[in-house]
Protein backbone atom coordinates (compact mmCIF):
# COMPACT_ATOMS: atom_id res chain seq x y z
CA UNK A 1 112.91 -17.72 186.24
CA UNK A 2 116.03 -15.81 186.95
CA UNK A 3 116.93 -15.71 183.25
CA UNK A 4 113.64 -14.23 182.26
CA UNK A 5 113.73 -11.36 184.75
CA UNK A 6 117.15 -10.22 183.47
CA UNK A 7 115.74 -9.43 180.02
CA UNK A 8 112.64 -7.75 181.24
CA UNK A 9 112.52 -4.07 182.21
CA UNK A 10 110.04 -2.79 184.70
CA UNK A 11 107.06 -1.02 183.10
CA UNK A 12 107.70 2.09 185.16
CA UNK A 13 111.05 2.81 183.44
CA UNK A 14 109.54 2.58 179.94
CA UNK A 15 106.62 4.86 180.76
CA UNK A 16 108.94 7.49 182.24
CA UNK A 17 110.94 7.53 179.00
CA UNK A 18 107.76 7.74 176.96
CA UNK A 19 106.53 10.70 179.02
CA UNK A 20 109.85 12.49 178.49
CA UNK A 21 109.61 12.03 174.71
CA UNK A 22 106.01 13.25 174.68
CA UNK A 23 106.98 16.27 176.76
CA UNK A 24 109.87 17.05 174.39
CA UNK A 25 107.48 16.95 171.42
CA UNK A 26 104.69 19.02 172.98
CA UNK A 27 106.71 21.61 174.94
CA UNK A 28 107.87 23.73 171.93
CA UNK A 29 104.32 23.86 170.56
CA UNK A 30 102.99 24.84 173.98
CA UNK A 31 105.57 27.63 174.36
CA UNK A 32 104.81 28.90 170.83
CA UNK A 33 101.10 29.07 171.66
CA UNK A 34 101.76 30.99 174.87
CA UNK A 35 104.09 33.48 173.16
CA UNK A 36 101.60 33.89 170.29
CA UNK A 37 98.82 34.63 172.80
CA UNK A 38 101.03 37.28 174.41
CA UNK A 39 101.78 38.72 170.97
CA UNK A 40 98.07 38.92 170.15
CA UNK A 41 97.53 40.69 173.47
CA UNK A 42 100.24 43.21 172.57
CA UNK A 43 98.51 43.76 169.21
CA UNK A 44 95.17 44.41 170.90
CA UNK A 45 96.88 46.85 173.28
CA UNK A 46 98.52 48.66 170.34
CA UNK A 47 95.16 48.93 168.54
CA UNK A 48 93.48 50.28 171.69
CA UNK A 49 96.28 52.79 172.03
CA UNK A 50 95.80 53.95 168.43
CA UNK A 51 92.04 54.33 168.82
CA UNK A 52 92.63 56.30 172.01
CA UNK A 53 95.09 58.53 170.14
CA UNK A 54 92.54 59.21 167.39
CA UNK A 55 89.87 59.97 169.97
CA UNK A 56 92.13 62.37 171.91
CA UNK A 57 93.16 64.08 168.67
CA UNK A 58 89.50 64.59 167.76
CA UNK A 59 88.76 65.95 171.23
CA UNK A 60 91.43 68.60 170.71
CA UNK A 61 90.30 69.27 167.12
CA UNK A 62 86.84 70.36 168.24
CA UNK A 63 88.28 73.34 170.18
CA UNK A 64 91.67 73.94 168.52
CA UNK A 65 92.05 73.44 164.78
CA UNK A 66 95.87 73.51 164.66
CA UNK A 67 96.68 70.28 162.77
CA UNK A 68 100.24 70.08 164.15
CA UNK A 69 99.04 70.19 167.77
CA UNK A 70 96.32 67.64 167.00
CA UNK A 71 98.83 65.21 165.46
CA UNK A 72 101.25 65.69 168.38
CA UNK A 73 98.52 64.98 170.92
CA UNK A 74 97.31 61.88 169.07
CA UNK A 75 100.85 60.48 168.78
CA UNK A 76 101.58 61.24 172.44
CA UNK A 77 98.72 58.94 173.46
CA UNK A 78 100.44 55.96 171.82
CA UNK A 79 103.87 56.40 173.37
CA UNK A 80 103.51 53.17 175.35
CA UNK A 81 102.40 50.99 172.43
CA UNK A 82 105.02 49.67 170.05
CA UNK A 83 103.82 51.02 166.72
CA UNK A 84 105.97 51.92 163.74
CA UNK A 85 105.74 55.22 161.86
CA UNK A 86 102.35 56.50 162.98
CA UNK A 87 100.61 58.93 160.65
CA UNK A 88 97.80 61.25 161.69
CA UNK A 89 95.62 63.10 159.20
CA UNK A 90 93.16 65.79 160.23
CA UNK A 91 90.36 66.99 157.95
CA UNK A 92 87.36 69.21 158.51
CA UNK A 93 84.22 68.35 156.55
CA UNK A 94 80.72 69.72 156.17
CA UNK A 95 78.21 67.78 158.28
CA UNK A 96 75.70 67.26 155.45
CA UNK A 97 74.41 65.80 153.06
CA UNK A 98 75.83 62.30 153.67
CA UNK A 99 75.41 60.23 156.80
CA UNK A 100 79.16 59.49 156.64
CA UNK A 101 80.91 62.88 157.04
CA UNK A 102 84.10 61.54 155.43
CA UNK A 103 82.23 61.59 152.08
CA UNK A 104 81.19 65.23 152.40
CA UNK A 105 82.95 68.28 151.00
CA UNK A 106 85.71 70.00 152.96
CA UNK A 107 84.82 73.00 155.10
CA UNK A 108 86.30 76.00 153.29
CA UNK A 109 86.37 77.99 156.50
CA UNK A 110 86.34 76.03 159.72
CA UNK A 111 83.34 77.03 161.80
CA UNK A 112 81.11 75.63 164.52
CA UNK A 113 79.13 72.83 162.94
CA UNK A 114 81.93 71.50 160.75
CA UNK A 115 83.05 67.96 161.52
CA UNK A 116 86.62 67.15 162.57
CA UNK A 117 87.87 63.79 161.29
CA UNK A 118 91.10 62.45 162.81
CA UNK A 119 92.51 59.35 161.11
CA UNK A 120 95.36 57.52 162.82
CA UNK A 121 97.26 54.83 160.92
CA UNK A 122 100.19 52.76 162.14
CA UNK A 123 101.88 49.42 161.57
CA UNK A 124 102.32 46.85 164.35
CA UNK A 125 105.13 44.29 164.09
CA UNK A 126 104.49 41.01 165.95
CA UNK A 127 107.45 39.83 168.02
CA UNK A 128 106.93 36.08 167.57
CA UNK A 129 109.21 35.04 164.67
CA UNK A 130 106.83 32.48 163.18
CA UNK A 131 103.88 34.85 163.26
CA UNK A 132 105.95 37.78 161.99
CA UNK A 133 107.77 35.95 159.18
CA UNK A 134 105.04 33.64 157.92
CA UNK A 135 101.72 35.35 158.60
CA UNK A 136 102.55 39.09 158.71
CA UNK A 137 105.92 39.81 157.04
CA UNK A 138 104.95 43.46 156.45
CA UNK A 139 103.31 43.85 159.85
CA UNK A 140 99.69 44.59 160.64
CA UNK A 141 98.34 48.01 159.69
CA UNK A 142 95.91 49.44 162.20
CA UNK A 143 93.62 52.33 161.26
CA UNK A 144 91.43 54.25 163.70
CA UNK A 145 89.14 57.16 162.87
CA UNK A 146 87.36 59.51 165.23
CA UNK A 147 84.72 62.02 164.13
CA UNK A 148 83.54 64.95 166.29
CA UNK A 149 81.65 68.17 165.61
CA UNK A 150 83.59 71.43 166.01
CA UNK A 151 82.45 73.32 169.13
CA UNK A 152 84.79 76.33 169.08
CA UNK A 153 86.95 77.80 166.33
CA UNK A 154 90.47 78.69 167.25
CA UNK A 155 92.64 80.43 166.14
CA UNK A 156 90.17 83.18 165.30
CA UNK A 157 90.38 86.98 164.95
CA UNK A 158 90.29 87.47 168.72
CA UNK A 159 92.47 84.49 169.78
CA UNK A 160 95.94 83.55 168.52
CA UNK A 161 96.91 79.88 168.10
CA UNK A 162 99.08 79.83 171.22
CA UNK A 163 96.16 81.00 173.39
CA UNK A 164 93.67 78.42 172.07
CA UNK A 165 92.33 75.90 174.56
CA UNK A 166 94.67 72.93 174.80
CA UNK A 167 92.17 70.67 176.55
CA UNK A 168 88.63 70.14 175.32
């Protein structure tokens, strides 16, 4: 009996080694999934930030039609999000005849009733190497558009651009 017990290992020692191997195989996948979930959360935050920037730009565009100020305000709303090279375009369109104002003709003279369209476009780069290099090597382009009707025209003959309302 003594000879047999020398060659036998207790079951507890083998199962502990097996658990360590399983942990070593699963742990990198688990960490990758957690980091990918965080990266997706950062992407959602960046998109929310861009949509907020477009909305804030449109809110300014309805009372102050200075395209430079509108773009600055829209970009300022995304200062927390990590987005690369944001571009903001501002157009003023006639409200009719199409249901989608972006398809309508441009307003030749901006007046109350025209529609301000602020389009914000930016590229988000994921930080997870596998996601960035394999799935999105060029990044993810986010586009947000906000459409609002013009309520007040400024600058106008009685108000210079610097005196226009800055807040809607």
